[in-house]
Amino acid sequence: MSSPRYAKISEQIKEIIARMLERRIKDPRLGFVTITDVRITGDGREATVFYTVLGGADDRAASAIALHSATGLLRSTVGKQLGLKFTPTLEFVLDAVEEDAAHLEDVLVRARAQDAAVAAQAAGATYAGDPDPYRKPGEDDDEDAE
């Protein structure tokens, strides 16, 4: 988004679409859809609507089809309510936040397990040489005297 004006418009589009999906769109294929974000191009001609769907892959596919078929009605409602000179075209994109979060959680669990294994291995470890390999000032005096 290039301006604060488009930031406000994107929030308004998000609210309008969410209200429409909740109250007016009665497509049985439409599952529990949540609009997460709307991004508008710099010229205001195109809007990308990000959404998530509660459920499995079948629910996501059915909701994508339902959103695609309702795009015209949603766009005309957005245009009427906002009163813009040019109503942006709407493109619905499935937001992958849930999958990314699950993947990151798996990575963190594996990292914690590896850290615990390294800590357990280090608990019983001893130094390969002297426990303190550094020279002390008193030790240097003995060698200089000879």
Protein backbone atom coordinates (compact mmCIF):
# COMPACT_ATOMS: atom_id res chain seq x y z
CA MET A 1 0.00 0.00 0.00
CA SER A 2 1.39 3.34 -0.97
CA SER A 3 -0.75 5.71 1.05
CA PRO A 4 -2.71 5.91 4.30
CA ARG A 5 -5.84 6.39 2.22
CA TYR A 6 -5.47 2.93 0.72
CA ALA A 7 -4.81 1.50 4.18
CA LYS A 8 -8.21 2.81 5.30
CA ILE A 9 -9.88 1.57 2.14
CA SER A 10 -8.38 -1.90 2.58
CA GLU A 11 -9.74 -2.06 6.15
CA GLN A 12 -13.16 -0.99 4.90
CA ILE A 13 -13.07 -3.61 2.15
CA LYS A 14 -12.12 -6.23 4.73
CA GLU A 15 -15.10 -5.31 6.93
CA ILE A 16 -17.54 -5.17 4.02
CA ILE A 17 -16.52 -8.57 2.67
CA ALA A 18 -16.60 -10.14 6.14
CA ARG A 19 -20.12 -8.78 6.73
CA MET A 20 -21.26 -9.99 3.31
CA LEU A 21 -19.88 -13.48 3.88
CA GLU A 22 -21.52 -13.64 7.28
CA ARG A 23 -24.97 -12.31 6.37
CA ARG A 24 -25.64 -12.29 2.67
CA ILE A 25 -23.71 -15.04 0.88
CA LYS A 26 -25.65 -18.27 1.44
CA ASP A 27 -23.50 -20.66 -0.58
CA PRO A 28 -23.46 -24.09 1.12
CA ARG A 29 -19.89 -24.66 -0.10
CA LEU A 30 -18.72 -21.68 1.92
CA GLY A 31 -17.20 -22.92 5.17
CA PHE A 32 -15.98 -21.00 8.18
CA VAL A 33 -14.08 -18.31 6.29
CA THR A 34 -12.14 -15.57 8.05
CA ILE A 35 -10.83 -12.57 6.13
CA THR A 36 -7.33 -11.93 7.48
CA ASP A 37 -6.01 -9.11 5.29
CA VAL A 38 -6.68 -6.99 2.22
CA ARG A 39 -3.87 -5.46 0.18
CA ILE A 40 -4.46 -2.89 -2.52
CA THR A 41 -2.08 -2.08 -5.35
CA GLY A 42 -0.57 1.39 -5.57
CA ASP A 43 -3.05 2.54 -8.18
CA GLY A 44 -6.06 1.16 -6.31
CA ARG A 45 -7.24 -1.01 -9.20
CA GLU A 46 -6.66 -4.45 -7.67
CA ALA A 47 -7.26 -5.79 -4.18
CA THR A 48 -5.93 -9.10 -2.90
CA VAL A 49 -8.11 -10.56 -0.16
CA PHE A 50 -6.40 -13.08 2.12
CA TYR A 51 -8.59 -15.58 3.95
CA THR A 52 -8.38 -18.69 6.09
CA VAL A 53 -10.81 -21.59 6.30
CA LEU A 54 -11.47 -23.74 9.32
CA GLY A 55 -11.33 -27.36 8.23
CA GLY A 56 -9.45 -29.64 5.90
CA ALA A 57 -8.35 -29.49 2.30
CA ASP A 58 -11.85 -30.30 1.00
CA ASP A 59 -13.32 -27.39 2.96
CA ARG A 60 -10.64 -25.06 1.61
CA ALA A 61 -11.28 -26.12 -1.97
CA ALA A 62 -15.05 -25.76 -1.64
CA SER A 63 -14.71 -22.35 -0.01
CA ALA A 64 -12.34 -21.19 -2.76
CA ILE A 65 -14.92 -22.14 -5.39
CA ALA A 66 -17.69 -20.38 -3.45
CA LEU A 67 -15.61 -17.22 -3.05
CA HIS A 68 -14.74 -17.24 -6.74
CA SER A 69 -18.41 -17.49 -7.69
CA ALA A 70 -19.38 -14.68 -5.28
CA THR A 71 -16.62 -12.30 -6.43
CA GLY A 72 -18.94 -10.25 -8.66
CA LEU A 73 -21.52 -9.67 -5.94
CA LEU A 74 -18.82 -8.83 -3.40
CA ARG A 75 -17.12 -6.38 -5.78
CA SER A 76 -20.34 -4.59 -6.63
CA THR A 77 -21.23 -4.28 -2.94
CA VAL A 78 -17.76 -2.92 -2.15
CA GLY A 79 -18.15 -0.38 -4.96
CA LYS A 80 -21.58 0.76 -3.79
CA GLN A 81 -20.60 1.11 -0.15
CA LEU A 82 -17.26 2.84 -0.71
CA GLY A 83 -18.35 5.12 -3.54
CA LEU A 84 -14.98 5.00 -5.27
CA LYS A 85 -14.47 6.15 -8.83
CA PHE A 86 -12.90 2.80 -9.69
CA THR A 87 -13.88 -0.29 -7.71
CA PRO A 88 -10.85 -2.56 -7.33
CA THR A 89 -11.00 -6.08 -8.70
CA LEU A 90 -10.99 -8.70 -5.97
CA GLU A 91 -8.67 -11.69 -5.92
CA PHE A 92 -9.05 -14.21 -3.11
CA VAL A 93 -5.88 -15.91 -1.86
CA LEU A 94 -5.75 -18.60 0.80
CA ASP A 95 -3.61 -17.33 3.67
CA ALA A 96 -0.99 -19.89 4.68
CA VAL A 97 -0.48 -18.55 8.20
CA GLU A 98 -1.75 -21.70 9.90
CA GLU A 99 0.52 -24.02 7.93
CA ASP A 100 3.54 -21.76 8.48
CA ALA A 101 2.82 -21.57 12.21
CA ALA A 102 2.49 -25.36 12.46
CA HIS A 103 5.77 -25.83 10.57
CA LEU A 104 7.58 -23.36 12.83
CA GLU A 105 6.18 -25.07 15.90
CA ASP A 106 7.52 -28.43 14.64
CA VAL A 107 10.94 -26.90 14.02
CA LEU A 108 11.00 -25.40 17.53
CA VAL A 109 10.06 -28.77 19.09
CA ARG A 110 12.91 -30.49 17.22
CA ALA A 111 15.36 -27.73 18.23
CA ARG A 112 14.37 -28.05 21.90
CA ALA A 113 14.84 -31.82 21.74
CA GLN A 114 18.29 -31.41 20.18
CA ASP A 115 19.24 -28.79 22.78
CA ALA A 116 18.16 -31.16 25.57
CA ALA A 117 20.23 -33.99 24.05
CA VAL A 118 23.32 -31.76 23.82
CA ALA A 119 22.83 -30.55 27.41
CA ALA A 120 22.50 -34.14 28.66
CA GLN A 121 25.66 -35.13 26.80
CA ALA A 122 27.55 -32.10 28.13
CA ALA A 123 26.49 -32.78 31.72
CA GLY A 124 28.77 -35.82 32.05
CA ALA A 125 31.60 -34.50 29.88
CA THR A 126 35.07 -33.68 31.11
CA TYR A 127 37.83 -31.59 29.59
CA ALA A 128 40.24 -33.34 27.22
CA GLY A 129 43.27 -31.62 28.79
CA ASP A 130 43.70 -29.62 31.95
CA PRO A 131 40.55 -28.13 33.42
CA ASP A 132 42.12 -24.68 33.18
CA PRO A 133 44.52 -24.53 30.19
CA TYR A 134 45.50 -20.88 30.71
CA ARG A 135 48.72 -19.82 32.40
CA LYS A 136 48.53 -17.92 35.64
CA PRO A 137 50.90 -15.08 36.56
CA GLY A 138 52.49 -17.16 39.34
CA GLU A 139 53.31 -20.03 36.99
CA ASP A 140 55.29 -17.83 34.57
CA ASP A 141 57.65 -16.75 37.36
CA ASP A 142 58.79 -20.36 37.94
CA GLU A 143 59.88 -20.84 34.34
CA ASP A 144 61.67 -17.46 34.12
CA ALA A 145 63.79 -18.25 37.17
CA GLU A 146 65.50 -21.23 35.51
